[in-house]
Amino acid sequence: MITTGECDRPVEILVLEEFRDPLSGELKKEWALLAKSWARVLPGTGAERYGDQQLVATNATRFRMRGYRDDVTPLNRLRYRGREYDIHGVQEIGRREGLEVLAEARAE
C-alpha cells in the first residue's frame, strides 16, 4: 500500500499530440500535459555508453504514484524537476492502488 506521505514529489505525465499548424497547414507533434500527480521517487541506476559515436549517460528512476490510471503507457513521457523521462515500463501496484513507472532520462 502506498501512503499519501510517501508521495511527496510533483510529477507531470505528458502525451504526444498531433496538430495541424494553422499558418502552414503542416502536421506537427508536441508534448502536452496529460495529468499532474504526486509520486515517490526511487533513484535507480546510472550508466554511460557509446552511442552514435558519442558518450551517452542515462539515469533510470522509478516513480511510485497513488491512484490507478490506464492511460499511462510507454508512449508517454514523465516530467520531474524540469527533466523529461522516457517511460520504459508501467506496472499496477496492488489492486489498482497505484502505478510504478520505470523511466529513464539523459544525464546532462
Foldseek 3Di string as FASTA:
>chain_A
DDDPVQQAFKKFKWAWDWDQDPPPRDIDIDIDTPDMFTWHKAWDDKDWDDDPNDIWIKTKIKTKTFFADPPDAQNMWMDGPNFIWRWDDWDADDPRGTIITITMTTDD
